[in-house]
């Protein structure tokens, strides 16, 4: 058995170890990931505003211990606590599907050579009619797909 084969066997065994064994386990994992995404955003805003977890706990009316348990992943936050934390930080969350998010951020365009590439969405409202064909440098920095 060569080294490449051993590496593949180890990777496969590792993936099997971490893979959910049932649909229920998969859903629990997705719930934990979603909670960590919300808490990650909250933590980032706390850092920007210089807010400690104890202060956040006071603002949302809970214990610092509970907030710590949430951020460690020992407990899953419910909607109410997420809303209270967002309110305490004066932030709002926008909820969408991954598909809609991807569509919102990328607009498919055709370049001079007939290749499709994706340009970041222009929030200033630039329409397709006024769109200018990008320079070679812009195309080289874009994700390119063959049409």
Protein backbone atom coordinates (compact mmCIF):
# COMPACT_ATOMS: atom_id res chain seq x y z
CA UNK A 1 0.00 0.00 0.00
CA UNK A 2 1.51 3.30 -1.06
CA UNK A 3 1.41 6.55 0.90
CA UNK A 4 -1.32 8.10 -1.28
CA UNK A 5 -3.58 5.09 -0.69
CA UNK A 6 -2.96 5.23 3.08
CA UNK A 7 -3.82 8.93 3.11
CA UNK A 8 -7.08 8.27 1.26
CA UNK A 9 -7.96 5.49 3.72
CA UNK A 10 -7.32 7.78 6.69
CA UNK A 11 -9.36 10.58 5.12
CA UNK A 12 -12.22 8.19 4.40
CA UNK A 13 -12.17 6.81 7.94
CA UNK A 14 -12.13 10.33 9.37
CA UNK A 15 -15.10 11.38 7.20
CA UNK A 16 -17.01 8.24 8.25
CA UNK A 17 -16.33 9.05 11.88
CA UNK A 18 -17.77 12.57 11.54
CA UNK A 19 -20.65 11.73 9.21
CA UNK A 20 -24.12 11.65 10.77
CA UNK A 21 -25.51 8.12 11.18
CA UNK A 22 -29.15 9.10 10.68
CA UNK A 23 -31.35 11.84 9.33
CA UNK A 24 -32.01 12.95 12.91
CA UNK A 25 -28.27 13.33 13.60
CA UNK A 26 -27.88 15.28 10.34
CA UNK A 27 -30.66 17.68 11.37
CA UNK A 28 -29.15 18.16 14.83
CA UNK A 29 -25.82 18.98 13.21
CA UNK A 30 -27.49 21.51 10.88
CA UNK A 31 -29.26 23.08 13.88
CA UNK A 32 -25.92 23.47 15.66
CA UNK A 33 -24.26 24.98 12.59
CA UNK A 34 -27.11 27.47 12.13
CA UNK A 35 -26.93 28.48 15.80
CA UNK A 36 -23.17 28.99 15.51
CA UNK A 37 -23.66 31.19 12.43
CA UNK A 38 -26.01 33.48 14.36
CA UNK A 39 -23.74 33.50 17.40
CA UNK A 40 -20.70 34.14 15.22
CA UNK A 41 -22.33 37.28 13.84
CA UNK A 42 -23.37 38.35 17.32
CA UNK A 43 -19.85 37.77 18.64
CA UNK A 44 -18.37 39.80 15.78
CA UNK A 45 -20.69 42.72 16.55
CA UNK A 46 -19.89 42.46 20.26
CA UNK A 47 -16.19 42.78 19.44
CA UNK A 48 -16.83 45.78 17.17
CA UNK A 49 -18.82 47.50 19.91
CA UNK A 50 -16.46 46.45 22.72
CA UNK A 51 -19.24 44.59 24.54
CA UNK A 52 -18.45 41.74 26.96
CA UNK A 53 -20.64 38.66 27.33
CA UNK A 54 -21.57 39.73 30.86
CA UNK A 55 -22.87 43.06 29.54
CA UNK A 56 -24.81 41.27 26.79
CA UNK A 57 -26.35 38.97 29.40
CA UNK A 58 -27.49 41.97 31.44
CA UNK A 59 -29.02 43.65 28.37
CA UNK A 60 -30.99 40.54 27.37
CA UNK A 61 -32.04 39.69 30.92
CA UNK A 62 -30.23 36.41 31.39
CA UNK A 63 -27.17 35.12 33.19
CA UNK A 64 -23.60 35.40 31.95
CA UNK A 65 -23.38 31.64 32.49
CA UNK A 66 -26.20 31.01 30.00
CA UNK A 67 -24.56 33.29 27.40
CA UNK A 68 -21.26 31.43 27.89
CA UNK A 69 -23.03 28.08 27.42
CA UNK A 70 -24.53 29.35 24.16
CA UNK A 71 -21.20 30.55 22.77
CA UNK A 72 -19.45 27.32 23.77
CA UNK A 73 -22.08 25.30 21.94
CA UNK A 74 -23.35 23.60 25.09
CA UNK A 75 -26.84 25.00 24.49
CA UNK A 76 -28.77 25.96 21.39
CA UNK A 77 -30.20 29.51 21.38
CA UNK A 78 -33.91 29.89 20.72
CA UNK A 79 -35.38 32.60 18.48
CA UNK A 80 -36.27 34.81 21.42
CA UNK A 81 -32.72 34.99 22.82
CA UNK A 82 -31.29 35.65 19.33
CA UNK A 83 -33.76 38.51 18.87
CA UNK A 84 -32.91 39.92 22.29
CA UNK A 85 -29.18 39.76 21.56
CA UNK A 86 -29.67 41.44 18.17
CA UNK A 87 -31.77 44.15 19.84
CA UNK A 88 -29.11 44.69 22.53
CA UNK A 89 -26.52 45.15 19.78
CA UNK A 90 -28.86 47.25 17.62
CA UNK A 91 -28.54 44.89 14.65
CA UNK A 92 -31.02 43.06 12.40
CA UNK A 93 -30.64 39.72 10.70
CA UNK A 94 -31.70 39.09 7.12
CA UNK A 95 -32.86 35.56 6.42
CA UNK A 96 -32.77 34.04 2.94
CA UNK A 97 -31.99 30.76 1.22
CA UNK A 98 -28.51 29.97 -0.04
CA UNK A 99 -29.82 29.92 -3.61
CA UNK A 100 -31.35 33.40 -3.33
CA UNK A 101 -28.22 34.69 -1.59
CA UNK A 102 -26.00 33.36 -4.38
CA UNK A 103 -28.28 34.91 -7.02
CA UNK A 104 -28.29 38.24 -5.23
CA UNK A 105 -24.49 38.42 -5.03
CA UNK A 106 -23.65 37.25 -8.54
CA UNK A 107 -24.89 38.27 -11.93
CA UNK A 108 -23.91 36.05 -14.82
CA UNK A 109 -22.31 38.01 -17.71
CA UNK A 110 -20.90 37.04 -21.08
CA UNK A 111 -17.43 38.36 -21.96
CA UNK A 112 -15.98 39.14 -25.42
CA UNK A 113 -14.82 35.54 -25.96
CA UNK A 114 -18.17 33.93 -25.15
CA UNK A 115 -17.18 32.83 -21.64
CA UNK A 116 -19.48 33.36 -18.70
CA UNK A 117 -18.10 34.88 -15.55
CA UNK A 118 -19.70 36.10 -12.38
CA UNK A 119 -19.52 39.72 -11.34
CA UNK A 120 -20.38 40.79 -7.78
CA UNK A 121 -23.82 42.33 -7.56
CA UNK A 122 -23.84 46.10 -7.97
CA UNK A 123 -25.89 47.50 -5.10
CA UNK A 124 -25.86 50.95 -6.70
CA UNK A 125 -28.46 49.68 -9.15
CA UNK A 126 -26.45 49.47 -12.37
CA UNK A 127 -28.74 47.91 -14.98
CA UNK A 128 -27.77 45.33 -17.59
CA UNK A 129 -28.33 47.91 -20.34
CA UNK A 130 -25.61 50.19 -18.95
CA UNK A 131 -23.20 47.39 -18.16
CA UNK A 132 -19.78 47.80 -19.72
CA UNK A 133 -17.70 44.80 -20.78
CA UNK A 134 -14.93 44.38 -18.20
CA UNK A 135 -11.23 44.69 -18.82
CA UNK A 136 -8.97 41.63 -19.08
CA UNK A 137 -7.77 42.26 -15.52
CA UNK A 138 -11.33 42.25 -14.19
CA UNK A 139 -12.06 39.01 -16.02
CA UNK A 140 -8.90 37.36 -14.73
CA UNK A 141 -9.99 38.14 -11.16
CA UNK A 142 -13.51 36.75 -11.72
CA UNK A 143 -14.78 33.21 -11.44
CA UNK A 144 -14.85 31.94 -15.03
CA UNK A 145 -17.16 29.22 -16.32
CA UNK A 146 -17.26 27.83 -19.87
CA UNK A 147 -20.58 28.52 -21.55
